[in-house]
């Protein structure tokens, strides 16, 4: 919450086609994740060590990995 990731990626890292990609629960490898957070190539701002510590990045990654998988579309009753 304090880094504002939810503004683009949602409160559950679910992402949105209008704001930012889904991050979890099957995230990229930690090294790639950390490198991208530090040096993003898209519209995401860089989170330098002055902004987010390595421990904070590891905590964010753990949060992303802990997100539940999205339910299959067939399980959403309104779409049946």
N, C-alpha and C. Protein backbone atom coordinates (compact mmCIF):
# COMPACT_ATOMS: atom_id res chain seq x y z
N UNK A 1 0.82 -1.19 0.00
CA UNK A 1 0.00 0.00 0.00
C UNK A 1 0.87 1.26 0.00
N UNK A 2 1.89 1.29 0.82
CA UNK A 2 2.66 2.52 0.98
C UNK A 2 3.46 2.89 -0.28
N UNK A 3 3.74 1.93 -1.14
CA UNK A 3 4.48 2.24 -2.36
C UNK A 3 3.56 2.57 -3.52
N UNK A 4 2.25 2.37 -3.35
CA UNK A 4 1.30 2.72 -4.40
C UNK A 4 1.17 1.70 -5.52
N UNK A 5 1.71 0.50 -5.33
CA UNK A 5 1.64 -0.53 -6.37
C UNK A 5 0.19 -0.82 -6.77
N UNK A 6 -0.70 -0.77 -5.77
CA UNK A 6 -2.12 -1.09 -6.00
C UNK A 6 -2.77 -0.15 -7.01
N UNK A 7 -2.24 1.06 -7.15
CA UNK A 7 -2.85 2.02 -8.06
C UNK A 7 -2.85 1.53 -9.50
N UNK A 8 -1.86 0.74 -9.86
CA UNK A 8 -1.78 0.20 -11.22
C UNK A 8 -2.03 -1.30 -11.26
N UNK A 9 -1.58 -2.01 -10.23
CA UNK A 9 -1.65 -3.47 -10.25
C UNK A 9 -2.80 -4.04 -9.43
N UNK A 10 -3.56 -3.19 -8.75
CA UNK A 10 -4.69 -3.63 -7.94
C UNK A 10 -4.26 -4.09 -6.57
N UNK A 11 -5.23 -4.22 -5.67
CA UNK A 11 -4.95 -4.59 -4.28
C UNK A 11 -4.48 -6.04 -4.15
N UNK A 12 -4.81 -6.87 -5.11
CA UNK A 12 -4.42 -8.28 -5.06
C UNK A 12 -3.45 -8.64 -6.19
N UNK A 13 -2.78 -7.66 -6.75
CA UNK A 13 -1.82 -7.85 -7.85
C UNK A 13 -2.49 -8.41 -9.09
N UNK A 14 -3.83 -8.19 -9.19
CA UNK A 14 -4.60 -8.74 -10.30
C UNK A 14 -4.41 -7.98 -11.61
N UNK A 15 -3.94 -6.75 -11.52
CA UNK A 15 -3.69 -5.96 -12.71
C UNK A 15 -4.96 -5.50 -13.40
N UNK A 16 -4.77 -4.73 -14.47
CA UNK A 16 -5.87 -4.22 -15.27
C UNK A 16 -5.32 -3.85 -16.63
N UNK A 17 -6.08 -4.10 -17.67
CA UNK A 17 -5.61 -3.74 -19.01
C UNK A 17 -5.47 -2.23 -19.15
N UNK A 18 -6.14 -1.47 -18.29
CA UNK A 18 -6.07 -0.01 -18.37
C UNK A 18 -4.93 0.59 -17.57
N UNK A 19 -4.40 -0.16 -16.59
CA UNK A 19 -3.40 0.47 -15.72
C UNK A 19 -2.08 -0.27 -15.61
N UNK A 20 -2.09 -1.57 -15.35
CA UNK A 20 -0.84 -2.31 -15.18
C UNK A 20 -1.09 -3.80 -15.23
N UNK A 21 -0.07 -4.58 -15.52
CA UNK A 21 -0.25 -6.03 -15.68
C UNK A 21 -0.50 -6.77 -14.37
N UNK A 22 -1.09 -7.95 -14.51
CA UNK A 22 -1.26 -8.87 -13.39
C UNK A 22 0.14 -9.32 -12.96
N UNK A 23 0.37 -9.41 -11.67
CA UNK A 23 1.69 -9.79 -11.16
C UNK A 23 1.73 -11.20 -10.60
N UNK A 24 0.64 -11.72 -10.13
CA UNK A 24 0.69 -13.01 -9.47
C UNK A 24 -0.49 -13.87 -9.79
N UNK A 25 -0.55 -15.05 -9.28
CA UNK A 25 0.35 -15.61 -8.28
C UNK A 25 1.60 -16.26 -8.89
N UNK A 26 1.65 -16.46 -10.18
CA UNK A 26 2.82 -17.08 -10.80
C UNK A 26 3.75 -15.97 -11.31
N UNK A 27 4.48 -15.42 -10.39
CA UNK A 27 5.36 -14.30 -10.71
C UNK A 27 6.63 -14.79 -11.40
N UNK A 28 7.32 -13.86 -12.01
CA UNK A 28 8.62 -14.17 -12.61
C UNK A 28 9.62 -14.46 -11.49
N UNK A 29 10.78 -14.95 -11.83
CA UNK A 29 11.82 -15.24 -10.83
C UNK A 29 12.16 -13.97 -10.04
N UNK A 30 12.53 -14.14 -8.78
CA UNK A 30 12.79 -13.00 -7.91
C UNK A 30 13.84 -12.06 -8.50
N UNK A 31 14.93 -12.59 -9.02
CA UNK A 31 16.00 -11.74 -9.55
C UNK A 31 15.46 -10.84 -10.68
N UNK A 32 14.65 -11.40 -11.54
CA UNK A 32 14.06 -10.63 -12.64
C UNK A 32 13.06 -9.60 -12.11
N UNK A 33 12.27 -10.00 -11.12
CA UNK A 33 11.30 -9.11 -10.49
C UNK A 33 12.02 -7.91 -9.87
N UNK A 34 13.04 -8.18 -9.07
CA UNK A 34 13.77 -7.11 -8.39
C UNK A 34 14.44 -6.18 -9.40
N UNK A 35 15.03 -6.74 -10.44
CA UNK A 35 15.68 -5.92 -11.47
C UNK A 35 14.67 -5.01 -12.15
N UNK A 36 13.49 -5.56 -12.47
CA UNK A 36 12.47 -4.75 -13.14
C UNK A 36 11.95 -3.65 -12.22
N UNK A 37 11.76 -3.96 -10.94
CA UNK A 37 11.29 -2.94 -10.00
C UNK A 37 12.31 -1.81 -9.91
N UNK A 38 13.57 -2.15 -9.92
CA UNK A 38 14.63 -1.14 -9.84
C UNK A 38 14.82 -0.38 -11.16
N UNK A 39 14.67 -1.10 -12.29
CA UNK A 39 14.94 -0.51 -13.61
C UNK A 39 13.83 -0.90 -14.58
N UNK A 40 12.61 -0.38 -14.42
CA UNK A 40 11.51 -0.76 -15.30
C UNK A 40 11.71 -0.21 -16.71
N UNK A 41 11.10 -0.89 -17.67
CA UNK A 41 11.21 -0.44 -19.06
C UNK A 41 9.94 0.22 -19.55
N UNK A 42 8.86 0.10 -18.81
CA UNK A 42 7.58 0.69 -19.23
C UNK A 42 7.32 2.00 -18.53
N UNK A 43 6.06 2.23 -18.22
CA UNK A 43 5.65 3.48 -17.59
C UNK A 43 5.82 3.46 -16.08
N UNK A 44 6.15 2.30 -15.52
CA UNK A 44 6.31 2.20 -14.08
C UNK A 44 7.52 3.01 -13.62
N UNK A 45 7.38 3.75 -12.52
CA UNK A 45 8.54 4.50 -12.03
C UNK A 45 9.56 3.55 -11.40
N UNK A 46 10.83 3.89 -11.43
CA UNK A 46 11.83 3.05 -10.79
C UNK A 46 11.75 3.17 -9.27
N UNK A 47 11.90 2.05 -8.60
CA UNK A 47 11.94 2.03 -7.14
C UNK A 47 13.38 1.77 -6.73
N UNK A 48 14.15 2.85 -6.62
CA UNK A 48 15.55 2.74 -6.27
C UNK A 48 15.69 2.29 -4.82
N UNK A 49 16.91 1.98 -4.43
CA UNK A 49 17.19 1.56 -3.05
C UNK A 49 16.82 2.66 -2.06
N UNK A 50 16.83 3.92 -2.50
CA UNK A 50 16.42 5.03 -1.64
C UNK A 50 14.92 5.02 -1.39
N UNK A 51 14.17 4.43 -2.31
CA UNK A 51 12.71 4.38 -2.20
C UNK A 51 12.25 3.10 -1.51
N UNK A 52 12.79 1.97 -1.94
CA UNK A 52 12.39 0.67 -1.40
C UNK A 52 13.64 -0.18 -1.16
N UNK A 53 13.80 -0.67 0.05
CA UNK A 53 14.97 -1.49 0.38
C UNK A 53 14.85 -2.86 -0.30
N UNK A 54 15.96 -3.59 -0.33
CA UNK A 54 15.93 -4.94 -0.87
C UNK A 54 14.97 -5.82 -0.09
N UNK A 55 14.91 -5.63 1.23
CA UNK A 55 13.99 -6.39 2.07
C UNK A 55 12.54 -6.06 1.71
N UNK A 56 12.26 -4.80 1.42
CA UNK A 56 10.91 -4.40 1.01
C UNK A 56 10.52 -5.06 -0.31
N UNK A 57 11.46 -5.08 -1.25
CA UNK A 57 11.20 -5.72 -2.55
C UNK A 57 10.92 -7.21 -2.34
N UNK A 58 11.68 -7.85 -1.46
CA UNK A 58 11.46 -9.27 -1.16
C UNK A 58 10.08 -9.48 -0.52
N UNK A 59 9.65 -8.57 0.34
CA UNK A 59 8.33 -8.66 0.96
C UNK A 59 7.23 -8.49 -0.08
N UNK A 60 7.40 -7.56 -0.98
CA UNK A 60 6.41 -7.36 -2.05
C UNK A 60 6.32 -8.61 -2.92
N UNK A 61 7.46 -9.18 -3.24
CA UNK A 61 7.50 -10.41 -4.05
C UNK A 61 6.78 -11.54 -3.32
N UNK A 62 7.01 -11.69 -2.04
CA UNK A 62 6.33 -12.73 -1.25
C UNK A 62 4.83 -12.51 -1.26
N UNK A 63 4.40 -11.26 -1.16
CA UNK A 63 2.97 -10.94 -1.24
C UNK A 63 2.39 -11.37 -2.58
N UNK A 64 3.09 -11.05 -3.66
CA UNK A 64 2.62 -11.42 -5.00
C UNK A 64 2.50 -12.94 -5.12
N UNK A 65 3.50 -13.66 -4.64
CA UNK A 65 3.46 -15.13 -4.72
C UNK A 65 2.32 -15.72 -3.90
N UNK A 66 1.91 -15.04 -2.85
CA UNK A 66 0.86 -15.56 -1.98
C UNK A 66 -0.55 -15.30 -2.50
N UNK A 67 -0.68 -14.54 -3.58
CA UNK A 67 -2.00 -14.25 -4.11
C UNK A 67 -2.63 -15.54 -4.64
N UNK A 68 -3.93 -15.71 -4.41
CA UNK A 68 -4.60 -16.90 -4.94
C UNK A 68 -4.74 -16.82 -6.45
N UNK A 69 -4.76 -17.97 -7.07
CA UNK A 69 -4.97 -18.01 -8.51
C UNK A 69 -6.38 -17.51 -8.82
N UNK A 70 -6.55 -16.87 -9.94
CA UNK A 70 -7.87 -16.40 -10.34
C UNK A 70 -8.77 -17.60 -10.63
N UNK A 71 -10.04 -17.53 -10.24
CA UNK A 71 -10.93 -18.64 -10.53
C UNK A 71 -11.17 -18.77 -12.03
N UNK A 72 -11.40 -19.97 -12.52
CA UNK A 72 -11.70 -20.10 -13.94
C UNK A 72 -13.00 -19.38 -14.28
N UNK A 73 -13.08 -18.86 -15.47
CA UNK A 73 -14.25 -18.11 -15.90
C UNK A 73 -15.52 -18.92 -15.69
N UNK A 74 -15.45 -20.24 -15.90
CA UNK A 74 -16.62 -21.09 -15.76
C UNK A 74 -17.21 -21.06 -14.34
N UNK A 75 -16.39 -20.70 -13.36
CA UNK A 75 -16.86 -20.73 -11.98
C UNK A 75 -17.57 -19.43 -11.58
N UNK A 76 -17.57 -18.44 -12.45
CA UNK A 76 -18.25 -17.19 -12.15
C UNK A 76 -19.70 -17.32 -12.58
N UNK A 77 -20.60 -17.39 -11.62
CA UNK A 77 -21.99 -17.70 -11.88
C UNK A 77 -22.67 -16.73 -12.85
N UNK A 78 -22.34 -15.45 -12.78
CA UNK A 78 -22.99 -14.49 -13.64
C UNK A 78 -22.68 -14.69 -15.11
N UNK A 79 -21.62 -15.38 -15.40
CA UNK A 79 -21.24 -15.60 -16.79
C UNK A 79 -21.83 -16.88 -17.36
N UNK A 80 -22.50 -17.67 -16.53
CA UNK A 80 -23.09 -18.94 -16.99
C UNK A 80 -24.41 -18.70 -17.64
